[in-house]
Amino acid sequence: MMYGVPHGAACGIILPEVMRFNVDFAIDKLALAAQALGVDTAGMEKRAAALAAADVVESLMKEAGHPMKLREVGVPGDAFDAAAAHAICDAVTMFNARPVMDPAEVVALYKKVF
């Protein structure tokens, strides 16, 4: 746990942006996720359907009252470099749909949800 934020809460905050980050590398699976989430994907471009999955997840989280910004859970704006280094070293990163080698990519995601 970094900055007192439970892992699951942090994952939830960043999940929609990670889905968007991965869209071109997991387009089929994300399009299926959109369908599973109730999106009528008939006639949609597959990429649009995949992005709709991220939008639905974001909407559901907002409806549930889940924090949507890192600042809401007390993560300071100067924490991104350390948190990105931690994320890059996590073995789970090796299994991300889109290869992640540069901590700057992770920092960019954190900035979107700050």
PDB file of N, CA and C in Angstrom:
ATOM      1  N   MET A   1       0.848  -1.169   0.000  1.00  0.00           N
ATOM      2  CA  MET A   1       0.000   0.000   0.000  1.00  0.00           C
ATOM      3  C   MET A   1       0.898   1.237   0.000  1.00  0.00           C
ATOM      4  N   MET A   2       0.678   2.097  -0.966  1.00  0.00           N
ATOM      5  CA  MET A   2       1.433   3.349  -1.037  1.00  0.00           C
ATOM      6  C   MET A   2       0.496   4.508  -0.711  1.00  0.00           C
ATOM      7  N   TYR A   3       0.990   5.442   0.085  1.00  0.00           N
ATOM      8  CA  TYR A   3       0.244   6.653   0.422  1.00  0.00           C
ATOM      9  C   TYR A   3      -1.081   6.341   1.119  1.00  0.00           C
ATOM     10  N   GLY A   4      -1.155   5.176   1.762  1.00  0.00           N
ATOM     11  CA  GLY A   4      -2.343   4.798   2.503  1.00  0.00           C
ATOM     12  C   GLY A   4      -3.526   4.398   1.635  1.00  0.00           C
ATOM     13  N   VAL A   5      -3.281   4.193   0.350  1.00  0.00           N
ATOM     14  CA  VAL A   5      -4.361   3.836  -0.575  1.00  0.00           C
ATOM     15  C   VAL A   5      -4.354   2.329  -0.781  1.00  0.00           C
ATOM     16  N   PRO A   6      -5.449   1.649  -0.453  1.00  0.00           N
ATOM     17  CA  PRO A   6      -5.502   0.204  -0.699  1.00  0.00           C
ATOM     18  C   PRO A   6      -5.311  -0.089  -2.194  1.00  0.00           C
ATOM     19  N   HIS A   7      -4.662  -1.192  -2.473  1.00  0.00           N
ATOM     20  CA  HIS A   7      -4.345  -1.576  -3.849  1.00  0.00           C
ATOM     21  C   HIS A   7      -5.594  -1.597  -4.732  1.00  0.00           C
ATOM     22  N   GLY A   8      -6.648  -2.194  -4.242  1.00  0.00           N
ATOM     23  CA  GLY A   8      -7.880  -2.295  -5.031  1.00  0.00           C
ATOM     24  C   GLY A   8      -8.465  -0.932  -5.357  1.00  0.00           C
ATOM     25  N   ALA A   9      -8.425  -0.013  -4.406  1.00  0.00           N
ATOM     26  CA  ALA A   9      -8.944   1.338  -4.643  1.00  0.00           C
ATOM     27  C   ALA A   9      -8.106   2.047  -5.706  1.00  0.00           C
ATOM     28  N   ALA A  10      -6.797   1.903  -5.619  1.00  0.00           N
ATOM     29  CA  ALA A  10      -5.915   2.518  -6.612  1.00  0.00           C
ATOM     30  C   ALA A  10      -6.160   1.911  -7.994  1.00  0.00           C
ATOM     31  N   CYS A  11      -6.336   0.608  -8.049  1.00  0.00           N
ATOM     32  CA  CYS A  11      -6.619  -0.054  -9.325  1.00  0.00           C
ATOM     33  C   CYS A  11      -7.928   0.453  -9.912  1.00  0.00           C
ATOM     34  N   GLY A  12      -8.923   0.611  -9.058  1.00  0.00           N
ATOM     35  CA  GLY A  12     -10.211   1.103  -9.525  1.00  0.00           C
ATOM     36  C   GLY A  12     -10.122   2.502 -10.101  1.00  0.00           C
ATOM     37  N   ILE A  13      -9.350   3.361  -9.459  1.00  0.00           N
ATOM     38  CA  ILE A  13      -9.204   4.738  -9.940  1.00  0.00           C
ATOM     39  C   ILE A  13      -8.596   4.765 -11.333  1.00  0.00           C
ATOM     40  N   ILE A  14      -7.603   3.949 -11.554  1.00  0.00           N
ATOM     41  CA  ILE A  14      -6.866   4.027 -12.820  1.00  0.00           C
ATOM     42  C   ILE A  14      -7.405   3.090 -13.906  1.00  0.00           C
ATOM     43  N   LEU A  15      -8.277   2.143 -13.522  1.00  0.00           N
ATOM     44  CA  LEU A  15      -8.747   1.129 -14.472  1.00  0.00           C
ATOM     45  C   LEU A  15      -9.286   1.696 -15.783  1.00  0.00           C
ATOM     46  N   PRO A  16     -10.206   2.662 -15.783  1.00  0.00           N
ATOM     47  CA  PRO A  16     -10.696   3.142 -17.078  1.00  0.00           C
ATOM     48  C   PRO A  16      -9.588   3.696 -17.982  1.00  0.00           C
ATOM     49  N   GLU A  17      -8.630   4.398 -17.392  1.00  0.00           N
ATOM     50  CA  GLU A  17      -7.527   4.938 -18.206  1.00  0.00           C
ATOM     51  C   GLU A  17      -6.607   3.832 -18.700  1.00  0.00           C
ATOM     52  N   VAL A  18      -6.410   2.807 -17.897  1.00  0.00           N
ATOM     53  CA  VAL A  18      -5.582   1.677 -18.344  1.00  0.00           C
ATOM     54  C   VAL A  18      -6.282   0.941 -19.486  1.00  0.00           C
ATOM     55  N   MET A  19      -7.597   0.816 -19.403  1.00  0.00           N
ATOM     56  CA  MET A  19      -8.339   0.195 -20.499  1.00  0.00           C
ATOM     57  C   MET A  19      -8.141   0.994 -21.790  1.00  0.00           C
ATOM     58  N   ARG A  20      -8.216   2.308 -21.680  1.00  0.00           N
ATOM     59  CA  ARG A  20      -8.004   3.165 -22.862  1.00  0.00           C
ATOM     60  C   ARG A  20      -6.567   3.057 -23.360  1.00  0.00           C
ATOM     61  N   PHE A  21      -5.607   3.012 -22.442  1.00  0.00           N
ATOM     62  CA  PHE A  21      -4.191   2.867 -22.781  1.00  0.00           C
ATOM     63  C   PHE A  21      -3.950   1.576 -23.562  1.00  0.00           C
ATOM     64  N   ASN A  22      -4.655   0.521 -23.173  1.00  0.00           N
ATOM     65  CA  ASN A  22      -4.463  -0.804 -23.769  1.00  0.00           C
ATOM     66  C   ASN A  22      -5.348  -1.075 -24.984  1.00  0.00           C
ATOM     67  N   VAL A  23      -6.207  -0.146 -25.354  1.00  0.00           N
ATOM     68  CA  VAL A  23      -7.264  -0.426 -26.325  1.00  0.00           C
ATOM     69  C   VAL A  23      -6.749  -1.062 -27.611  1.00  0.00           C
ATOM     70  N   ASP A  24      -5.669  -0.582 -28.166  1.00  0.00           N
ATOM     71  CA  ASP A  24      -5.193  -1.120 -29.441  1.00  0.00           C
ATOM     72  C   ASP A  24      -4.464  -2.453 -29.298  1.00  0.00           C
ATOM     73  N   PHE A  25      -4.238  -2.876 -28.076  1.00  0.00           N
ATOM     74  CA  PHE A  25      -3.541  -4.132 -27.829  1.00  0.00           C
ATOM     75  C   PHE A  25      -4.479  -5.206 -27.274  1.00  0.00           C
ATOM     76  N   ALA A  26      -5.696  -4.794 -26.919  1.00  0.00           N
ATOM     77  CA  ALA A  26      -6.671  -5.737 -26.359  1.00  0.00           C
ATOM     78  C   ALA A  26      -8.065  -5.421 -26.890  1.00  0.00           C
ATOM     79  N   ILE A  27      -8.113  -5.003 -28.138  1.00  0.00           N
ATOM     80  CA  ILE A  27      -9.364  -4.508 -28.719  1.00  0.00           C
ATOM     81  C   ILE A  27     -10.482  -5.553 -28.686  1.00  0.00           C
ATOM     82  N   ASP A  28     -10.162  -6.792 -29.021  1.00  0.00           N
ATOM     83  CA  ASP A  28     -11.192  -7.839 -29.040  1.00  0.00           C
ATOM     84  C   ASP A  28     -11.750  -8.103 -27.646  1.00  0.00           C
ATOM     85  N   LYS A  29     -10.870  -8.224 -26.675  1.00  0.00           N
ATOM     86  CA  LYS A  29     -11.308  -8.516 -25.307  1.00  0.00           C
ATOM     87  C   LYS A  29     -12.074  -7.346 -24.716  1.00  0.00           C
ATOM     88  N   LEU A  30     -11.638  -6.142 -24.997  1.00  0.00           N
ATOM     89  CA  LEU A  30     -12.353  -4.974 -24.473  1.00  0.00           C
ATOM     90  C   LEU A  30     -13.714  -4.812 -25.143  1.00  0.00           C
ATOM     91  N   ALA A  31     -13.802  -5.139 -26.429  1.00  0.00           N
ATOM     92  CA  ALA A  31     -15.100  -5.093 -27.112  1.00  0.00           C
ATOM     93  C   ALA A  31     -16.049  -6.126 -26.497  1.00  0.00           C
ATOM     94  N   LEU A  32     -15.532  -7.300 -26.167  1.00  0.00           N
ATOM     95  CA  LEU A  32     -16.347  -8.312 -25.479  1.00  0.00           C
ATOM     96  C   LEU A  32     -16.761  -7.822 -24.090  1.00  0.00           C
ATOM     97  N   ALA A  33     -15.860  -7.141 -23.421  1.00  0.00           N
ATOM     98  CA  ALA A  33     -16.195  -6.594 -22.105  1.00  0.00           C
ATOM     99  C   ALA A  33     -17.332  -5.586 -22.228  1.00  0.00           C
ATOM    100  N   ALA A  34     -17.307  -4.775 -23.278  1.00  0.00           N
ATOM    101  CA  ALA A  34     -18.386  -3.811 -23.500  1.00  0.00           C
ATOM    102  C   ALA A  34     -19.718  -4.534 -23.635  1.00  0.00           C
ATOM    103  N   GLN A  35     -19.723  -5.607 -24.413  1.00  0.00           N
ATOM    104  CA  GLN A  35     -20.951  -6.388 -24.571  1.00  0.00           C
ATOM    105  C   GLN A  35     -21.407  -6.952 -23.230  1.00  0.00           C
ATOM    106  N   ALA A  36     -20.471  -7.494 -22.475  1.00  0.00           N
ATOM    107  CA  ALA A  36     -20.797  -8.070 -21.171  1.00  0.00           C
ATOM    108  C   ALA A  36     -21.336  -7.007 -20.210  1.00  0.00           C
ATOM    109  N   LEU A  37     -20.921  -5.773 -20.421  1.00  0.00           N
ATOM    110  CA  LEU A  37     -21.375  -4.663 -19.584  1.00  0.00           C
ATOM    111  C   LEU A  37     -22.672  -4.039 -20.091  1.00  0.00           C
ATOM    112  N   GLY A  38     -23.240  -4.635 -21.133  1.00  0.00           N
ATOM    113  CA  GLY A  38     -24.534  -4.191 -21.615  1.00  0.00           C
ATOM    114  C   GLY A  38     -24.520  -3.184 -22.747  1.00  0.00           C
ATOM    115  N   VAL A  39     -23.359  -2.934 -23.330  1.00  0.00           N
ATOM    116  CA  VAL A  39     -23.283  -1.999 -24.449  1.00  0.00           C
ATOM    117  C   VAL A  39     -23.772  -2.698 -25.712  1.00  0.00           C
ATOM    118  N   ASP A  40     -24.675  -2.060 -26.437  1.00  0.00           N
ATOM    119  CA  ASP A  40     -25.132  -2.589 -27.722  1.00  0.00           C
ATOM    120  C   ASP A  40     -24.065  -2.228 -28.748  1.00  0.00           C
ATOM    121  N   THR A  41     -23.225  -3.182 -29.073  1.00  0.00           N
ATOM    122  CA  THR A  41     -22.089  -2.931 -29.962  1.00  0.00           C
ATOM    123  C   THR A  41     -22.418  -3.203 -31.425  1.00  0.00           C
ATOM    124  N   ALA A  42     -23.655  -3.566 -31.713  1.00  0.00           N
ATOM    125  CA  ALA A  42     -24.053  -3.839 -33.102  1.00  0.00           C
ATOM    126  C   ALA A  42     -23.819  -2.588 -33.948  1.00  0.00           C
ATOM    127  N   GLY A  43     -23.077  -2.760 -35.018  1.00  0.00           N
ATOM    128  CA  GLY A  43     -22.794  -1.658 -35.924  1.00  0.00           C
ATOM    129  C   GLY A  43     -21.667  -0.744 -35.481  1.00  0.00           C
ATOM    130  N   MET A  44     -21.109  -0.994 -34.311  1.00  0.00           N
ATOM    131  CA  MET A  44     -20.003  -0.161 -33.830  1.00  0.00           C
ATOM    132  C   MET A  44     -18.683  -0.672 -34.390  1.00  0.00           C
ATOM    133  N   GLU A  45     -17.781   0.246 -34.668  1.00  0.00           N
ATOM    134  CA  GLU A  45     -16.400  -0.145 -34.951  1.00  0.00           C
ATOM    135  C   GLU A  45     -15.874  -0.838 -33.701  1.00  0.00           C
ATOM    136  N   LYS A  46     -15.018  -1.826 -33.891  1.00  0.00           N
ATOM    137  CA  LYS A  46     -14.524  -2.602 -32.752  1.00  0.00           C
ATOM    138  C   LYS A  46     -13.780  -1.715 -31.746  1.00  0.00           C
ATOM    139  N   ARG A  47     -13.026  -0.744 -32.238  1.00  0.00           N
ATOM    140  CA  ARG A  47     -12.286   0.147 -31.331  1.00  0.00           C
ATOM    141  C   ARG A  47     -13.249   0.992 -30.503  1.00  0.00           C
ATOM    142  N   ALA A  48     -14.304   1.475 -31.137  1.00  0.00           N
ATOM    143  CA  ALA A  48     -15.300   2.267 -30.415  1.00  0.00           C
ATOM    144  C   ALA A  48     -15.973   1.425 -29.337  1.00  0.00           C
ATOM    145  N   ALA A  49     -16.246   0.176 -29.672  1.00  0.00           N
ATOM    146  CA  ALA A  49     -16.846  -0.730 -28.690  1.00  0.00           C
ATOM    147  C   ALA A  49     -15.885  -0.959 -27.530  1.00  0.00           C
ATOM    148  N   ALA A  50     -14.617  -1.142 -27.829  1.00  0.00           N
ATOM    149  CA  ALA A  50     -13.614  -1.355 -26.785  1.00  0.00           C
ATOM    150  C   ALA A  50     -13.525  -0.138 -25.869  1.00  0.00           C
ATOM    151  N   LEU A  51     -13.534   1.046 -26.448  1.00  0.00           N
ATOM    152  CA  LEU A  51     -13.483   2.263 -25.646  1.00  0.00           C
ATOM    153  C   LEU A  51     -14.761   2.454 -24.833  1.00  0.00           C
ATOM    154  N   ALA A  52     -15.873   1.976 -25.361  1.00  0.00           N
ATOM    155  CA  ALA A  52     -17.134   2.055 -24.623  1.00  0.00           C
ATOM    156  C   ALA A  52     -17.054   1.251 -23.333  1.00  0.00           C
ATOM    157  N   ALA A  53     -16.299   0.173 -23.340  1.00  0.00           N
ATOM    158  CA  ALA A  53     -16.128  -0.620 -22.120  1.00  0.00           C
ATOM    159  C   ALA A  53     -15.504   0.238 -21.025  1.00  0.00           C
ATOM    160  N   ALA A  54     -14.494   0.999 -21.361  1.00  0.00           N
ATOM    161  CA  ALA A  54     -13.852   1.881 -20.380  1.00  0.00           C
ATOM    162  C   ALA A  54     -14.832   2.937 -19.882  1.00  0.00           C
ATOM    163  N   ASP A  55     -15.630   3.472 -20.786  1.00  0.00           N
ATOM    164  CA  ASP A  55     -16.612   4.488 -20.403  1.00  0.00           C
ATOM    165  C   ASP A  55     -17.647   3.924 -19.433  1.00  0.00           C
ATOM    166  N   VAL A  56     -18.104   2.699 -19.702  1.00  0.00           N
ATOM    167  CA  VAL A  56     -19.098   2.076 -18.821  1.00  0.00           C
ATOM    168  C   VAL A  56     -18.501   1.792 -17.449  1.00  0.00           C
ATOM    169  N   VAL A  57     -17.285   1.278 -17.422  1.00  0.00           N
ATOM    170  CA  VAL A  57     -16.625   1.017 -16.137  1.00  0.00           C
ATOM    171  C   VAL A  57     -16.502   2.324 -15.353  1.00  0.00           C
ATOM    172  N   GLU A  58     -16.105   3.382 -16.023  1.00  0.00           N
ATOM    173  CA  GLU A  58     -15.976   4.678 -15.359  1.00  0.00           C
ATOM    174  C   GLU A  58     -17.333   5.149 -14.814  1.00  0.00           C
ATOM    175  N   SER A  59     -18.374   5.001 -15.598  1.00  0.00           N
ATOM    176  CA  SER A  59     -19.714   5.405 -15.157  1.00  0.00           C
ATOM    177  C   SER A  59     -20.183   4.591 -13.956  1.00  0.00           C
ATOM    178  N   LEU A  60     -19.952   3.285 -14.004  1.00  0.00           N
ATOM    179  CA  LEU A  60     -20.351   2.429 -12.886  1.00  0.00           C
ATOM    180  C   LEU A  60     -19.625   2.812 -11.604  1.00  0.00           C
ATOM    181  N   MET A  61     -18.362   3.128 -11.738  1.00  0.00           N
ATOM    182  CA  MET A  61     -17.586   3.506 -10.562  1.00  0.00           C
ATOM    183  C   MET A  61     -18.080   4.826  -9.987  1.00  0.00           C
ATOM    184  N   LYS A  62     -18.420   5.761 -10.857  1.00  0.00           N
ATOM    185  CA  LYS A  62     -18.965   7.040 -10.390  1.00  0.00           C
ATOM    186  C   LYS A  62     -20.298   6.821  -9.673  1.00  0.00           C
ATOM    187  N   GLU A  63     -21.155   5.986 -10.266  1.00  0.00           N
ATOM    188  CA  GLU A  63     -22.449   5.678  -9.647  1.00  0.00           C
ATOM    189  C   GLU A  63     -22.281   5.053  -8.270  1.00  0.00           C
ATOM    190  N   ALA A  64     -21.251   4.230  -8.132  1.00  0.00           N
ATOM    191  CA  ALA A  64     -20.999   3.547  -6.861  1.00  0.00           C
ATOM    192  C   ALA A  64     -20.337   4.464  -5.840  1.00  0.00           C
ATOM    193  N   GLY A  65     -19.953   5.655  -6.265  1.00  0.00           N
ATOM    194  CA  GLY A  65     -19.300   6.584  -5.355  1.00  0.00           C
ATOM    195  C   GLY A  65     -17.828   6.306  -5.127  1.00  0.00           C
ATOM    196  N   HIS A  66     -17.229   5.517  -6.012  1.00  0.00           N
ATOM    197  CA  HIS A  66     -15.799   5.217  -5.902  1.00  0.00           C
ATOM    198  C   HIS A  66     -15.002   6.463  -6.242  1.00  0.00           C
ATOM    199  N   PRO A  67     -13.932   6.738  -5.521  1.00  0.00           N
ATOM    200  CA  PRO A  67     -13.082   7.884  -5.891  1.00  0.00           C
ATOM    201  C   PRO A  67     -12.570   7.712  -7.323  1.00  0.00           C
ATOM    202  N   MET A  68     -12.505   8.805  -8.042  1.00  0.00           N
ATOM    203  CA  MET A  68     -12.073   8.747  -9.435  1.00  0.00           C
ATOM    204  C   MET A  68     -10.749   9.473  -9.668  1.00  0.00           C
ATOM    205  N   LYS A  69     -10.247  10.133  -8.652  1.00  0.00           N
ATOM    206  CA  LYS A  69      -9.012  10.899  -8.776  1.00  0.00           C
ATOM    207  C   LYS A  69      -8.056  10.517  -7.657  1.00  0.00           C
ATOM    208  N   LEU A  70      -6.786  10.449  -7.990  1.00  0.00           N
ATOM    209  CA  LEU A  70      -5.782  10.121  -6.978  1.00  0.00           C
ATOM    210  C   LEU A  70      -5.748  11.165  -5.872  1.00  0.00           C
ATOM    211  N   ARG A  71      -5.968  12.418  -6.223  1.00  0.00           N
ATOM    212  CA  ARG A  71      -5.950  13.469  -5.195  1.00  0.00           C
ATOM    213  C   ARG A  71      -7.067  13.258  -4.167  1.00  0.00           C
ATOM    214  N   GLU A  72      -8.161  12.618  -4.572  1.00  0.00           N
ATOM    215  CA  GLU A  72      -9.282  12.369  -3.659  1.00  0.00           C
ATOM    216  C   GLU A  72      -8.912  11.403  -2.540  1.00  0.00           C
ATOM    217  N   VAL A  73      -7.910  10.573  -2.782  1.00  0.00           N
ATOM    218  CA  VAL A  73      -7.509   9.589  -1.773  1.00  0.00           C
ATOM    219  C   VAL A  73      -6.174   9.958  -1.124  1.00  0.00           C
ATOM    220  N   GLY A  74      -5.750  11.197  -1.328  1.00  0.00           N
ATOM    221  CA  GLY A  74      -4.568  11.700  -0.633  1.00  0.00           C
ATOM    222  C   GLY A  74      -3.234  11.453  -1.292  1.00  0.00           C
ATOM    223  N   VAL A  75      -3.225  11.027  -2.544  1.00  0.00           N
ATOM    224  CA  VAL A  75      -1.942  10.839  -3.234  1.00  0.00           C
ATOM    225  C   VAL A  75      -1.424  12.220  -3.644  1.00  0.00           C
ATOM    226  N   PRO A  76      -0.208  12.564  -3.224  1.00  0.00           N
ATOM    227  CA  PRO A  76       0.326  13.877  -3.572  1.00  0.00           C
ATOM    228  C   PRO A  76       0.778  13.942  -5.031  1.00  0.00           C
ATOM    229  N   GLY A  77       0.723  15.123  -5.602  1.00  0.00           N
ATOM    230  CA  GLY A  77       1.103  15.317  -6.999  1.00  0.00           C
ATOM    231  C   GLY A  77       2.548  15.011  -7.299  1.00  0.00           C
ATOM    232  N   ASP A  78       3.403  15.003  -6.271  1.00  0.00           N
ATOM    233  CA  ASP A  78       4.818  14.702  -6.502  1.00  0.00           C
ATOM    234  C   ASP A  78       5.142  13.220  -6.302  1.00  0.00           C
ATOM    235  N   ALA A  79       4.114  12.393  -6.214  1.00  0.00           N
ATOM    236  CA  ALA A  79       4.312  10.962  -5.949  1.00  0.00           C
ATOM    237  C   ALA A  79       4.427  10.118  -7.213  1.00  0.00           C
ATOM    238  N   PHE A  80       4.196  10.710  -8.362  1.00  0.00           N
ATOM    239  CA  PHE A  80       4.056   9.918  -9.581  1.00  0.00           C
ATOM    240  C   PHE A  80       5.313   9.160  -9.973  1.00  0.00           C
ATOM    241  N   ASP A  81       6.470   9.778  -9.864  1.00  0.00           N
ATOM    242  CA  ASP A  81       7.702   9.091 -10.272  1.00  0.00           C
ATOM    243  C   ASP A  81       7.961   7.851  -9.419  1.00  0.00           C
ATOM    244  N   ALA A  82       7.813   7.985  -8.105  1.00  0.00           N
ATOM    245  CA  ALA A  82       8.041   6.844  -7.213  1.00  0.00           C
ATOM    246  C   ALA A  82       6.993   5.760  -7.446  1.00  0.00           C
ATOM    247  N   ALA A  83       5.742   6.164  -7.607  1.00  0.00           N
ATOM    248  CA  ALA A  83       4.676   5.184  -7.827  1.00  0.00           C
ATOM    249  C   ALA A  83       4.860   4.483  -9.170  1.00  0.00           C
ATOM    250  N   ALA A  84       5.308   5.222 -10.191  1.00  0.00           N
ATOM    251  CA  ALA A  84       5.537   4.614 -11.514  1.00  0.00           C
ATOM    252  C   ALA A  84       6.680   3.612 -11.460  1.00  0.00           C
ATOM    253  N   ALA A  85       7.737   3.945 -10.742  1.00  0.00           N
ATOM    254  CA  ALA A  85       8.860   3.008 -10.592  1.00  0.00           C
ATOM    255  C   ALA A  85       8.387   1.737  -9.905  1.00  0.00           C
ATOM    256  N   HIS A  86       7.547   1.896  -8.906  1.00  0.00           N
ATOM    257  CA  HIS A  86       6.976   0.742  -8.204  1.00  0.00           C
ATOM    258  C   HIS A  86       6.128  -0.100  -9.167  1.00  0.00           C
ATOM    259  N   ALA A  87       5.308   0.567  -9.977  1.00  0.00           N
ATOM    260  CA  ALA A  87       4.429  -0.148 -10.917  1.00  0.00           C
ATOM    261  C   ALA A  87       5.237  -0.891 -11.975  1.00  0.00           C
ATOM    262  N   ILE A  88       6.271  -0.262 -12.493  1.00  0.00           N
ATOM    263  CA  ILE A  88       7.099  -0.888 -13.533  1.00  0.00           C
ATOM    264  C   ILE A  88       7.779  -2.152 -12.998  1.00  0.00           C
ATOM    265  N   CYS A  89       8.134  -2.139 -11.727  1.00  0.00           N
ATOM    266  CA  CYS A  89       8.817  -3.293 -11.132  1.00  0.00           C
ATOM    267  C   CYS A  89       7.868  -4.413 -10.732  1.00  0.00           C
ATOM    268  N   ASP A  90       6.573  -4.133 -10.732  1.00  0.00           N
ATOM    269  CA  ASP A  90       5.585  -5.150 -10.362  1.00  0.00           C
ATOM    270  C   ASP A  90       5.521  -6.208 -11.466  1.00  0.00           C
ATOM    271  N   ALA A  91       5.595  -7.461 -11.086  1.00  0.00           N
ATOM    272  CA  ALA A  91       5.593  -8.555 -12.066  1.00  0.00           C
ATOM    273  C   ALA A  91       4.331  -8.563 -12.924  1.00  0.00           C
ATOM    274  N   VAL A  92       3.231  -8.056 -12.406  1.00  0.00           N
ATOM    275  CA  VAL A  92       1.978  -8.027 -13.160  1.00  0.00           C
ATOM    276  C   VAL A  92       2.127  -7.193 -14.429  1.00  0.00           C
ATOM    277  N   THR A  93       2.985  -6.202 -14.394  1.00  0.00           N
ATOM    278  CA  THR A  93       3.193  -5.333 -15.553  1.00  0.00           C
ATOM    279  C   THR A  93       3.661  -6.131 -16.763  1.00  0.00           C
ATOM    280  N   MET A  94       4.375  -7.225 -16.520  1.00  0.00           N
ATOM    281  CA  MET A  94       4.849  -8.062 -17.631  1.00  0.00           C
ATOM    282  C   MET A  94       3.690  -8.646 -18.425  1.00  0.00           C
ATOM    283  N   PHE A  95       2.524  -8.767 -17.804  1.00  0.00           N
ATOM    284  CA  PHE A  95       1.378  -9.386 -18.457  1.00  0.00           C
ATOM    285  C   PHE A  95       0.377  -8.372 -19.001  1.00  0.00           C
ATOM    286  N   ASN A  96       0.728  -7.094 -18.953  1.00  0.00           N
ATOM    287  CA  ASN A  96      -0.152  -6.077 -19.502  1.00  0.00           C
ATOM    288  C   ASN A  96      -0.280  -6.285 -21.006  1.00  0.00           C
ATOM    289  N   ALA A  97      -1.454  -6.035 -21.535  1.00  0.00           N
ATOM    290  CA  ALA A  97      -1.681  -6.236 -22.975  1.00  0.00           C
ATOM    291  C   ALA A  97      -0.725  -5.396 -23.817  1.00  0.00           C
ATOM    292  N   ARG A  98      -0.506  -4.173 -23.405  1.00  0.00           N
ATOM    293  CA  ARG A  98       0.415  -3.276 -24.099  1.00  0.00           C
ATOM    294  C   ARG A  98       1.720  -3.272 -23.323  1.00  0.00           C
ATOM    295  N   PRO A  99       2.830  -3.566 -23.986  1.00  0.00           N
ATOM    296  CA  PRO A  99       4.112  -3.555 -23.268  1.00  0.00           C
ATOM    297  C   PRO A  99       4.372  -2.192 -22.616  1.00  0.00           C
ATOM    298  N   VAL A 100       4.821  -2.240 -21.374  1.00  0.00           N
ATOM    299  CA  VAL A 100       5.129  -1.023 -20.628  1.00  0.00           C
ATOM    300  C   VAL A 100       6.565  -1.122 -20.151  1.00  0.00           C
ATOM    301  N   MET A 101       7.423  -0.312 -20.747  1.00  0.00           N
ATOM    302  CA  MET A 101       8.839  -0.331 -20.388  1.00  0.00           C
ATOM    303  C   MET A 101       9.295   0.999 -19.810  1.00  0.00           C
ATOM    304  N   ASP A 102       8.569   2.044 -20.105  1.00  0.00           N
ATOM    305  CA  ASP A 102       8.981   3.390 -19.739  1.00  0.00           C
ATOM    306  C   ASP A 102       8.109   3.913 -18.601  1.00  0.00           C
ATOM    307  N   PRO A 103       8.710   4.212 -17.455  1.00  0.00           N
ATOM    308  CA  PRO A 103       7.924   4.754 -16.347  1.00  0.00           C
ATOM    309  C   PRO A 103       7.168   6.033 -16.718  1.00  0.00           C
ATOM    310  N   ALA A 104       7.642   6.754 -17.710  1.00  0.00           N
ATOM    311  CA  ALA A 104       6.961   7.986 -18.133  1.00  0.00           C
ATOM    312  C   ALA A 104       5.557   7.689 -18.653  1.00  0.00           C
ATOM    313  N   GLU A 105       5.365   6.504 -19.238  1.00  0.00           N
ATOM    314  CA  GLU A 105       4.023   6.127 -19.691  1.00  0.00           C
ATOM    315  C   GLU A 105       3.073   5.979 -18.498  1.00  0.00           C
ATOM    316  N   VAL A 106       3.589   5.421 -17.426  1.00  0.00           N
ATOM    317  CA  VAL A 106       2.791   5.234 -16.218  1.00  0.00           C
ATOM    318  C   VAL A 106       2.507   6.591 -15.572  1.00  0.00           C
ATOM    319  N   VAL A 107       3.510   7.448 -15.527  1.00  0.00           N
ATOM    320  CA  VAL A 107       3.325   8.790 -14.980  1.00  0.00           C
ATOM    321  C   VAL A 107       2.229   9.521 -15.758  1.00  0.00           C
ATOM    322  N   ALA A 108       2.225   9.376 -17.071  1.00  0.00           N
ATOM    323  CA  ALA A 108       1.200  10.028 -17.903  1.00  0.00           C
ATOM    324  C   ALA A 108      -0.203   9.533 -17.516  1.00  0.00           C
ATOM    325  N   LEU A 109      -0.335   8.247 -17.233  1.00  0.00           N
ATOM    326  CA  LEU A 109      -1.624   7.719 -16.797  1.00  0.00           C
ATOM    327  C   LEU A 109      -2.022   8.299 -15.429  1.00  0.00           C
ATOM    328  N   TYR A 110      -1.070   8.361 -14.515  1.00  0.00           N
ATOM    329  CA  TYR A 110      -1.352   8.922 -13.193  1.00  0.00           C
ATOM    330  C   TYR A 110      -1.807  10.370 -13.325  1.00  0.00           C
ATOM    331  N   LYS A 111      -1.185  11.125 -14.194  1.00  0.00           N
ATOM    332  CA  LYS A 111      -1.549  12.529 -14.359  1.00  0.00           C
ATOM    333  C   LYS A 111      -2.985  12.663 -14.869  1.00  0.00           C
ATOM    334  N   LYS A 112      -3.419  11.730 -15.697  1.00  0.00           N
ATOM    335  CA  LYS A 112      -4.797  11.772 -16.206  1.00  0.00           C
ATOM    336  C   LYS A 112      -5.820  11.564 -15.101  1.00  0.00           C
ATOM    337  N   VAL A 113      -5.443  10.830 -14.075  1.00  0.00           N
ATOM    338  CA  VAL A 113      -6.399  10.553 -13.008  1.00  0.00           C
ATOM    339  C   VAL A 113      -6.055  11.299 -11.713  1.00  0.00           C
ATOM    340  N   PHE A 114      -5.228  12.309 -11.815  1.00  0.00           N
ATOM    341  CA  PHE A 114      -4.883  13.080 -10.626  1.00  0.00           C
ATOM    342  C   PHE A 114      -5.982  14.103 -10.349  1.00  0.00           C
TER     343      PHE A 114
END
